[in-house]
Amino acid sequence: MVADYLRFEKVTKSFGPVSVVSEIDLGIEQGTLVVFLGPSGCGKTTLMRMVGGLDRPSSGTITLGGDIISGPDRRRGMVFQSYSSFPWLTVEGNIAFGMRYRRDLTEDERAERVEHYLKLIGLVDFRHSYPNRISGGMRQRVAIARTLAAGSEVLLMDEPFGALDALTRERLQVQLRDIQAQEGRTVIFVTHDVEEAVFLADRIILFSARPARILRDVDVTAILGRRRNLELRERQEFFKLRNEMLHLVRNTQDIPA
């Protein structure tokens, strides 16, 4: 792992007179899954959008591998809550679409990558299906695979499971951990769901109410380990950490920075 692979240095963001992000200093190691947790509207999505290059800091810098982020590029891919599959393309067509700007791949290599990601997300049997013929959970898996196939080093996920039913959401959380472990990508996952944050994260960054300030930086791996499965939710240490984080989130406005 590369320490401070993704680096925030005194990052602020304002929209007119409204301060949204305040003085963020943060380093993220390569290959980790970091959850941005905080109350709705606190600024965590704005911070993630700045990593994606969709918004620019009002002051301060964000660097990836030492390079200042000044706009979007394929090193950083985003997955949103809304299903972002292209309805006119099949499952395999959607995955291949992620490689449309890659000039470093031959046709054979593209086909191999499509096959690899079809297997990784468990949709080989649905390769010829169109998005309107598969479930919402499957469509989110396709969106993740398309982003990975594009060669994104950092996967930015903005509440991607929020519209799914509880059981599908649990299954995708496990699958995301498995995919991240196999691919070794850096993931920033935005949520206001405490249980989801605790289950997914190697590390939780807890933000205050707007403007976002870092209140806590929690090493979840040190408490729960790296391996995650559904049985983890029944363990005492999971309940304890979840309850601690829930208490902190409920009282974010009262916690000193």
C-alpha atoms as a PDB file:
ATOM      1  CA  MET A   1       0.000   0.000   0.000  1.00  0.00           C
ATOM      2  CA  VAL A   2       1.080   3.592  -0.694  1.00  0.00           C
ATOM      3  CA  ALA A   3       0.571   5.902   2.269  1.00  0.00           C
ATOM      4  CA  ASP A   4      -1.305   9.109   1.428  1.00  0.00           C
ATOM      5  CA  TYR A   5      -1.910   7.893  -2.108  1.00  0.00           C
ATOM      6  CA  LEU A   6      -4.918  10.221  -2.080  1.00  0.00           C
ATOM      7  CA  ARG A   7      -4.195  13.422  -0.196  1.00  0.00           C
ATOM      8  CA  PHE A   8      -6.419  16.313   0.910  1.00  0.00           C
ATOM      9  CA  GLU A   9      -4.560  19.431   2.078  1.00  0.00           C
ATOM     10  CA  LYS A  10      -6.595  22.205   3.731  1.00  0.00           C
ATOM     11  CA  VAL A  11      -9.490  21.630   1.329  1.00  0.00           C
ATOM     12  CA  THR A  12     -12.455  23.997   1.564  1.00  0.00           C
ATOM     13  CA  LYS A  13     -15.505  24.424  -0.641  1.00  0.00           C
ATOM     14  CA  SER A  14     -18.134  27.148  -0.711  1.00  0.00           C
ATOM     15  CA  PHE A  15     -21.066  27.741  -3.013  1.00  0.00           C
ATOM     16  CA  GLY A  16     -21.506  31.509  -2.871  1.00  0.00           C
ATOM     17  CA  PRO A  17     -21.919  32.480   0.784  1.00  0.00           C
ATOM     18  CA  VAL A  18     -22.593  28.871   1.863  1.00  0.00           C
ATOM     19  CA  SER A  19     -19.591  27.031   3.316  1.00  0.00           C
ATOM     20  CA  VAL A  20     -19.915  23.294   2.558  1.00  0.00           C
ATOM     21  CA  VAL A  21     -16.462  21.833   3.348  1.00  0.00           C
ATOM     22  CA  SER A  22     -14.075  23.295   5.917  1.00  0.00           C
ATOM     23  CA  GLU A  23     -10.296  22.757   6.188  1.00  0.00           C
ATOM     24  CA  ILE A  24     -10.068  19.050   5.374  1.00  0.00           C
ATOM     25  CA  ASP A  25      -6.639  17.456   5.902  1.00  0.00           C
ATOM     26  CA  LEU A  26      -6.678  13.739   5.157  1.00  0.00           C
ATOM     27  CA  GLY A  27      -4.474  11.019   3.699  1.00  0.00           C
ATOM     28  CA  ILE A  28      -5.837   7.759   2.250  1.00  0.00           C
ATOM     29  CA  GLU A  29      -3.730   4.674   1.553  1.00  0.00           C
ATOM     30  CA  GLN A  30      -3.883   2.894  -1.762  1.00  0.00           C
ATOM     31  CA  GLY A  31      -6.079  -0.208  -1.833  1.00  0.00           C
ATOM     32  CA  THR A  32      -8.282   0.694   1.127  1.00  0.00           C
ATOM     33  CA  LEU A  33     -12.062   1.059   1.359  1.00  0.00           C
ATOM     34  CA  VAL A  34     -12.817   4.321   3.136  1.00  0.00           C
ATOM     35  CA  VAL A  35     -16.351   5.320   4.088  1.00  0.00           C
ATOM     36  CA  PHE A  36     -17.350   8.971   4.364  1.00  0.00           C
ATOM     37  CA  LEU A  37     -20.070   8.980   7.023  1.00  0.00           C
ATOM     38  CA  GLY A  38     -22.146  11.872   8.246  1.00  0.00           C
ATOM     39  CA  PRO A  39     -25.608  13.402   8.369  1.00  0.00           C
ATOM     40  CA  SER A  40     -27.462  14.124   5.129  1.00  0.00           C
ATOM     41  CA  GLY A  41     -26.374  17.387   3.548  1.00  0.00           C
ATOM     42  CA  CYS A  42     -23.147  17.640   5.542  1.00  0.00           C
ATOM     43  CA  GLY A  43     -20.851  17.980   2.510  1.00  0.00           C
ATOM     44  CA  LYS A  44     -19.450  14.461   2.196  1.00  0.00           C
ATOM     45  CA  THR A  45     -20.750  14.010  -1.365  1.00  0.00           C
ATOM     46  CA  THR A  46     -19.293  17.390  -2.354  1.00  0.00           C
ATOM     47  CA  LEU A  47     -15.915  16.241  -1.038  1.00  0.00           C
ATOM     48  CA  MET A  48     -16.184  13.017  -3.057  1.00  0.00           C
ATOM     49  CA  ARG A  49     -17.168  14.989  -6.181  1.00  0.00           C
ATOM     50  CA  MET A  50     -13.993  17.018  -5.763  1.00  0.00           C
ATOM     51  CA  VAL A  51     -12.001  13.773  -5.778  1.00  0.00           C
ATOM     52  CA  GLY A  52     -13.783  12.903  -9.022  1.00  0.00           C
ATOM     53  CA  GLY A  53     -12.896  16.279 -10.494  1.00  0.00           C
ATOM     54  CA  LEU A  54     -16.570  17.228 -10.922  1.00  0.00           C
ATOM     55  CA  ASP A  55     -16.176  20.116  -8.456  1.00  0.00           C
ATOM     56  CA  ARG A  56     -13.017  22.062  -7.626  1.00  0.00           C
ATOM     57  CA  PRO A  57     -11.932  23.158  -4.142  1.00  0.00           C
ATOM     58  CA  SER A  58     -12.397  26.801  -3.252  1.00  0.00           C
ATOM     59  CA  SER A  59      -9.007  26.514  -1.586  1.00  0.00           C
ATOM     60  CA  GLY A  60      -6.508  23.765  -0.847  1.00  0.00           C
ATOM     61  CA  THR A  61      -5.483  20.824  -3.028  1.00  0.00           C
ATOM     62  CA  ILE A  62      -6.379  17.187  -3.619  1.00  0.00           C
ATOM     63  CA  THR A  63      -3.667  14.969  -5.080  1.00  0.00           C
ATOM     64  CA  LEU A  64      -3.710  11.406  -6.392  1.00  0.00           C
ATOM     65  CA  GLY A  65      -0.327   9.712  -6.506  1.00  0.00           C
ATOM     66  CA  GLY A  66       1.248  13.155  -6.207  1.00  0.00           C
ATOM     67  CA  ASP A  67      -0.718  14.647  -9.129  1.00  0.00           C
ATOM     68  CA  ILE A  68      -3.100  17.523  -8.412  1.00  0.00           C
ATOM     69  CA  ILE A  69      -6.686  16.678  -9.354  1.00  0.00           C
ATOM     70  CA  SER A  70      -7.998  19.417 -11.628  1.00  0.00           C
ATOM     71  CA  GLY A  71     -10.772  17.634 -13.529  1.00  0.00           C
ATOM     72  CA  PRO A  72     -12.264  14.225 -14.373  1.00  0.00           C
ATOM     73  CA  ASP A  73     -10.187  11.431 -15.839  1.00  0.00           C
ATOM     74  CA  ARG A  74     -10.456   7.643 -16.062  1.00  0.00           C
ATOM     75  CA  ARG A  75      -8.201   7.111 -13.039  1.00  0.00           C
ATOM     76  CA  ARG A  76     -11.278   7.929 -10.941  1.00  0.00           C
ATOM     77  CA  GLY A  77     -14.662   6.363 -11.715  1.00  0.00           C
ATOM     78  CA  MET A  78     -18.012   7.071 -10.094  1.00  0.00           C
ATOM     79  CA  VAL A  79     -21.016   4.896  -9.245  1.00  0.00           C
ATOM     80  CA  PHE A  80     -24.192   6.701  -8.195  1.00  0.00           C
ATOM     81  CA  GLN A  81     -27.369   5.693  -6.381  1.00  0.00           C
ATOM     82  CA  SER A  82     -29.406   5.889  -9.585  1.00  0.00           C
ATOM     83  CA  TYR A  83     -28.927   2.955 -11.927  1.00  0.00           C
ATOM     84  CA  SER A  84     -26.543   4.230 -14.584  1.00  0.00           C
ATOM     85  CA  SER A  85     -26.665   1.406 -17.120  1.00  0.00           C
ATOM     86  CA  PHE A  86     -27.177   2.289 -20.778  1.00  0.00           C
ATOM     87  CA  PRO A  87     -30.553   0.778 -21.722  1.00  0.00           C
ATOM     88  CA  TRP A  88     -29.664   0.255 -25.401  1.00  0.00           C
ATOM     89  CA  LEU A  89     -26.657  -1.928 -24.518  1.00  0.00           C
ATOM     90  CA  THR A  90     -26.564  -5.467 -23.140  1.00  0.00           C
ATOM     91  CA  VAL A  91     -24.793  -6.308 -19.889  1.00  0.00           C
ATOM     92  CA  GLU A  92     -21.567  -7.132 -21.731  1.00  0.00           C
ATOM     93  CA  GLY A  93     -22.032  -4.071 -23.945  1.00  0.00           C
ATOM     94  CA  ASN A  94     -22.284  -1.865 -20.872  1.00  0.00           C
ATOM     95  CA  ILE A  95     -19.059  -3.295 -19.450  1.00  0.00           C
ATOM     96  CA  ALA A  96     -17.271  -2.883 -22.790  1.00  0.00           C
ATOM     97  CA  PHE A  97     -18.499   0.722 -22.967  1.00  0.00           C
ATOM     98  CA  GLY A  98     -16.272   1.521 -20.002  1.00  0.00           C
ATOM     99  CA  MET A  99     -13.228   0.862 -22.192  1.00  0.00           C
ATOM    100  CA  ARG A 100     -14.268   3.077 -25.109  1.00  0.00           C
ATOM    101  CA  TYR A 101     -11.424   5.568 -24.542  1.00  0.00           C
ATOM    102  CA  ARG A 102      -8.718   3.017 -23.819  1.00  0.00           C
ATOM    103  CA  ARG A 103      -6.220   3.048 -26.642  1.00  0.00           C
ATOM    104  CA  ASP A 104      -3.839   0.774 -24.754  1.00  0.00           C
ATOM    105  CA  LEU A 105      -5.986  -2.343 -25.237  1.00  0.00           C
ATOM    106  CA  THR A 106      -6.341  -4.606 -28.257  1.00  0.00           C
ATOM    107  CA  GLU A 107      -9.718  -6.032 -29.229  1.00  0.00           C
ATOM    108  CA  ASP A 108      -8.713  -9.377 -27.730  1.00  0.00           C
ATOM    109  CA  GLU A 109      -7.694  -7.702 -24.467  1.00  0.00           C
ATOM    110  CA  ARG A 110     -11.004  -5.845 -24.338  1.00  0.00           C
ATOM    111  CA  ALA A 111     -12.902  -9.102 -24.822  1.00  0.00           C
ATOM    112  CA  GLU A 112     -10.817 -10.761 -22.071  1.00  0.00           C
ATOM    113  CA  ARG A 113     -11.572  -7.905 -19.673  1.00  0.00           C
ATOM    114  CA  VAL A 114     -15.306  -8.099 -20.400  1.00  0.00           C
ATOM    115  CA  GLU A 115     -15.202 -11.829 -19.647  1.00  0.00           C
ATOM    116  CA  HIS A 116     -13.193 -11.234 -16.469  1.00  0.00           C
ATOM    117  CA  TYR A 117     -15.678  -8.708 -15.096  1.00  0.00           C
ATOM    118  CA  LEU A 118     -18.726 -10.730 -16.110  1.00  0.00           C
ATOM    119  CA  LYS A 119     -17.326 -13.546 -13.965  1.00  0.00           C
ATOM    120  CA  LEU A 120     -16.325 -11.186 -11.167  1.00  0.00           C
ATOM    121  CA  ILE A 121     -19.858  -9.806 -10.787  1.00  0.00           C
ATOM    122  CA  GLY A 122     -21.528 -13.177 -11.400  1.00  0.00           C
ATOM    123  CA  LEU A 123     -23.499 -12.203 -14.506  1.00  0.00           C
ATOM    124  CA  VAL A 124     -22.064 -14.497 -17.196  1.00  0.00           C
ATOM    125  CA  ASP A 125     -25.513 -16.005 -17.767  1.00  0.00           C
ATOM    126  CA  PHE A 126     -26.998 -12.523 -18.254  1.00  0.00           C
ATOM    127  CA  ARG A 127     -24.381 -11.212 -20.669  1.00  0.00           C
ATOM    128  CA  HIS A 128     -26.921 -10.760 -23.506  1.00  0.00           C
ATOM    129  CA  SER A 129     -29.645  -9.277 -21.278  1.00  0.00           C
ATOM    130  CA  TYR A 130     -30.646  -5.625 -21.426  1.00  0.00           C
ATOM    131  CA  PRO A 131     -30.834  -3.528 -18.229  1.00  0.00           C
ATOM    132  CA  ASN A 132     -34.647  -3.500 -18.202  1.00  0.00           C
ATOM    133  CA  ARG A 133     -34.559  -7.304 -17.941  1.00  0.00           C
ATOM    134  CA  ILE A 134     -32.363  -7.534 -14.846  1.00  0.00           C
ATOM    135  CA  SER A 135     -32.807  -6.443 -11.229  1.00  0.00           C
ATOM    136  CA  GLY A 136     -31.631  -3.203  -9.681  1.00  0.00           C
ATOM    137  CA  GLY A 137     -28.890  -5.021  -7.787  1.00  0.00           C
ATOM    138  CA  MET A 138     -27.633  -6.555 -11.017  1.00  0.00           C
ATOM    139  CA  ARG A 139     -27.621  -3.140 -12.700  1.00  0.00           C
ATOM    140  CA  GLN A 140     -25.472  -1.750  -9.900  1.00  0.00           C
ATOM    141  CA  ARG A 141     -23.050  -4.653 -10.325  1.00  0.00           C
ATOM    142  CA  VAL A 142     -22.860  -3.817 -14.028  1.00  0.00           C
ATOM    143  CA  ALA A 143     -22.102  -0.173 -13.187  1.00  0.00           C
ATOM    144  CA  ILE A 144     -19.292  -1.258 -10.855  1.00  0.00           C
ATOM    145  CA  ALA A 145     -17.854  -3.628 -13.476  1.00  0.00           C
ATOM    146  CA  ARG A 146     -17.996  -0.939 -16.174  1.00  0.00           C
ATOM    147  CA  THR A 147     -16.063   1.467 -13.929  1.00  0.00           C
ATOM    148  CA  LEU A 148     -13.434  -1.154 -13.100  1.00  0.00           C
ATOM    149  CA  ALA A 149     -13.068  -2.152 -16.766  1.00  0.00           C
ATOM    150  CA  ALA A 150     -12.358   1.483 -17.612  1.00  0.00           C
ATOM    151  CA  GLY A 151      -9.176   1.163 -15.552  1.00  0.00           C
ATOM    152  CA  SER A 152     -10.237   3.400 -12.678  1.00  0.00           C
ATOM    153  CA  GLU A 153      -7.740   3.268  -9.830  1.00  0.00           C
ATOM    154  CA  VAL A 154     -10.192   4.904  -7.428  1.00  0.00           C
ATOM    155  CA  LEU A 155     -13.848   3.901  -7.233  1.00  0.00           C
ATOM    156  CA  LEU A 156     -16.097   6.698  -5.941  1.00  0.00           C
ATOM    157  CA  MET A 157     -19.473   5.434  -4.744  1.00  0.00           C
ATOM    158  CA  ASP A 158     -22.248   7.846  -3.740  1.00  0.00           C
ATOM    159  CA  GLU A 159     -24.834   5.833  -1.741  1.00  0.00           C
ATOM    160  CA  PRO A 160     -24.974   3.270  -4.577  1.00  0.00           C
ATOM    161  CA  PHE A 161     -27.142   0.777  -2.670  1.00  0.00           C
ATOM    162  CA  GLY A 162     -29.584   3.287  -1.203  1.00  0.00           C
ATOM    163  CA  ALA A 163     -32.467   2.449  -3.554  1.00  0.00           C
ATOM    164  CA  LEU A 164     -32.242  -1.323  -3.060  1.00  0.00           C
ATOM    165  CA  ASP A 165     -34.205  -3.572  -0.726  1.00  0.00           C
ATOM    166  CA  ALA A 166     -32.487  -4.646   2.497  1.00  0.00           C
ATOM    167  CA  LEU A 167     -31.543  -8.198   1.442  1.00  0.00           C
ATOM    168  CA  THR A 168     -30.151  -7.127  -1.936  1.00  0.00           C
ATOM    169  CA  ARG A 169     -28.243  -4.341  -0.228  1.00  0.00           C
ATOM    170  CA  GLU A 170     -26.629  -6.797   2.210  1.00  0.00           C
ATOM    171  CA  ARG A 171     -25.585  -9.131  -0.605  1.00  0.00           C
ATOM    172  CA  LEU A 172     -24.048  -6.295  -2.606  1.00  0.00           C
ATOM    173  CA  GLN A 173     -22.138  -5.062   0.422  1.00  0.00           C
ATOM    174  CA  VAL A 174     -20.511  -8.498   0.733  1.00  0.00           C
ATOM    175  CA  GLN A 175     -19.829  -8.604  -3.007  1.00  0.00           C
ATOM    176  CA  LEU A 176     -18.282  -5.137  -2.967  1.00  0.00           C
ATOM    177  CA  ARG A 177     -15.877  -6.206  -0.222  1.00  0.00           C
ATOM    178  CA  ASP A 178     -14.980  -9.311  -2.249  1.00  0.00           C
ATOM    179  CA  ILE A 179     -14.473  -7.317  -5.459  1.00  0.00           C
ATOM    180  CA  GLN A 180     -12.366  -4.709  -3.680  1.00  0.00           C
ATOM    181  CA  ALA A 181     -10.197  -7.435  -2.122  1.00  0.00           C
ATOM    182  CA  GLN A 182      -9.651  -9.140  -5.493  1.00  0.00           C
ATOM    183  CA  GLU A 183      -9.045  -5.971  -7.514  1.00  0.00           C
ATOM    184  CA  GLY A 184      -7.104  -4.027  -4.879  1.00  0.00           C
ATOM    185  CA  ARG A 185      -8.721  -0.737  -5.897  1.00  0.00           C
ATOM    186  CA  THR A 186      -9.063   2.254  -3.621  1.00  0.00           C
ATOM    187  CA  VAL A 187     -12.731   2.886  -2.786  1.00  0.00           C
ATOM    188  CA  ILE A 188     -14.404   5.949  -1.292  1.00  0.00           C
ATOM    189  CA  PHE A 189     -17.958   5.099  -0.295  1.00  0.00           C
ATOM    190  CA  VAL A 190     -20.396   7.825   0.803  1.00  0.00           C
ATOM    191  CA  THR A 191     -23.297   6.904   3.085  1.00  0.00           C
ATOM    192  CA  HIS A 192     -25.321   8.149   6.037  1.00  0.00           C
ATOM    193  CA  ASP A 193     -26.221   4.543   6.990  1.00  0.00           C
ATOM    194  CA  VAL A 194     -24.170   3.659  10.071  1.00  0.00           C
ATOM    195  CA  GLU A 195     -24.553  -0.134   9.810  1.00  0.00           C
ATOM    196  CA  GLU A 196     -23.513  -0.068   6.151  1.00  0.00           C
ATOM    197  CA  ALA A 197     -20.480   2.057   7.015  1.00  0.00           C
ATOM    198  CA  VAL A 198     -19.310  -0.271   9.786  1.00  0.00           C
ATOM    199  CA  PHE A 199     -19.784  -3.395   7.669  1.00  0.00           C
ATOM    200  CA  LEU A 200     -17.989  -2.069   4.587  1.00  0.00           C
ATOM    201  CA  ALA A 201     -15.194   0.129   5.828  1.00  0.00           C
ATOM    202  CA  ASP A 202     -11.535  -0.449   6.426  1.00  0.00           C
ATOM    203  CA  ARG A 203     -11.729   3.065   7.803  1.00  0.00           C
ATOM    204  CA  ILE A 204     -14.583   5.457   8.601  1.00  0.00           C
ATOM    205  CA  ILE A 205     -14.204   9.211   8.329  1.00  0.00           C
ATOM    206  CA  LEU A 206     -17.008  10.822  10.331  1.00  0.00           C
ATOM    207  CA  PHE A 207     -17.970  14.347   9.316  1.00  0.00           C
ATOM    208  CA  SER A 208     -19.778  17.079  11.203  1.00  0.00           C
ATOM    209  CA  ALA A 209     -22.929  18.775   9.994  1.00  0.00           C
ATOM    210  CA  ARG A 210     -22.285  21.373   7.274  1.00  0.00           C
ATOM    211  CA  PRO A 211     -19.701  22.659   6.771  1.00  0.00           C
ATOM    212  CA  ALA A 212     -18.028  19.266   6.823  1.00  0.00           C
ATOM    213  CA  ARG A 213     -15.177  18.906   9.300  1.00  0.00           C
ATOM    214  CA  ILE A 214     -13.533  15.638  10.282  1.00  0.00           C
ATOM    215  CA  LEU A 215     -14.749  14.612  13.733  1.00  0.00           C
ATOM    216  CA  ARG A 216     -13.447  11.038  13.939  1.00  0.00           C
ATOM    217  CA  ASP A 217     -11.114   8.797  11.936  1.00  0.00           C
ATOM    218  CA  VAL A 218     -11.924   5.199  12.888  1.00  0.00           C
ATOM    219  CA  ASP A 219      -9.726   2.210  11.955  1.00  0.00           C
ATOM    220  CA  VAL A 220     -12.455  -0.411  11.501  1.00  0.00           C
ATOM    221  CA  THR A 221     -10.048  -3.116  10.310  1.00  0.00           C
ATOM    222  CA  ALA A 222      -8.209  -2.962  13.633  1.00  0.00           C
ATOM    223  CA  ILE A 223     -11.500  -3.765  15.365  1.00  0.00           C
ATOM    224  CA  LEU A 224     -13.295  -6.148  12.977  1.00  0.00           C
ATOM    225  CA  GLY A 225     -10.509  -7.440  10.725  1.00  0.00           C
ATOM    226  CA  ARG A 226     -10.455  -7.269   6.925  1.00  0.00           C
ATOM    227  CA  ARG A 227     -12.689 -10.243   6.132  1.00  0.00           C
ATOM    228  CA  ARG A 228     -16.406  -9.491   6.128  1.00  0.00           C
ATOM    229  CA  ASN A 229     -19.407 -11.802   5.839  1.00  0.00           C
ATOM    230  CA  LEU A 230     -23.037 -11.647   6.923  1.00  0.00           C
ATOM    231  CA  GLU A 231     -22.251 -13.489  10.180  1.00  0.00           C
ATOM    232  CA  LEU A 232     -20.137 -10.508  11.219  1.00  0.00           C
ATOM    233  CA  ARG A 233     -23.330  -8.560  11.903  1.00  0.00           C
ATOM    234  CA  GLU A 234     -24.135 -10.960  14.750  1.00  0.00           C
ATOM    235  CA  ARG A 235     -20.823 -10.481  16.562  1.00  0.00           C
ATOM    236  CA  GLN A 236     -20.597  -8.448  19.736  1.00  0.00           C
ATOM    237  CA  GLU A 237     -17.765  -6.244  18.468  1.00  0.00           C
ATOM    238  CA  PHE A 238     -19.861  -5.302  15.420  1.00  0.00           C
ATOM    239  CA  PHE A 239     -22.821  -4.296  17.618  1.00  0.00           C
ATOM    240  CA  LYS A 240     -20.540  -2.306  19.899  1.00  0.00           C
ATOM    241  CA  LEU A 241     -18.872  -0.357  17.083  1.00  0.00           C
ATOM    242  CA  ARG A 242     -22.174   0.236  15.303  1.00  0.00           C
ATOM    243  CA  ASN A 243     -23.739   1.614  18.472  1.00  0.00           C
ATOM    244  CA  GLU A 244     -20.728   3.836  19.165  1.00  0.00           C
ATOM    245  CA  MET A 245     -20.826   5.249  15.643  1.00  0.00           C
ATOM    246  CA  LEU A 246     -24.598   5.695  15.780  1.00  0.00           C
ATOM    247  CA  HIS A 247     -24.240   7.689  18.982  1.00  0.00           C
ATOM    248  CA  LEU A 248     -21.582   9.888  17.381  1.00  0.00           C
ATOM    249  CA  VAL A 249     -23.663  10.518  14.257  1.00  0.00           C
ATOM    250  CA  ARG A 250     -26.716  11.441  16.334  1.00  0.00           C
ATOM    251  CA  ASN A 251     -24.639  13.974  18.212  1.00  0.00           C
ATOM    252  CA  THR A 252     -22.449  15.339  15.403  1.00  0.00           C
ATOM    253  CA  GLN A 253     -23.402  18.944  16.025  1.00  0.00           C
ATOM    254  CA  ASP A 254     -22.352  18.654  19.651  1.00  0.00           C
ATOM    255  CA  ILE A 255     -18.927  17.065  19.055  1.00  0.00           C
ATOM    256  CA  PRO A 256     -16.000  19.498  19.111  1.00  0.00           C
ATOM    257  CA  ALA A 257     -13.744  19.398  16.060  1.00  0.00           C
END
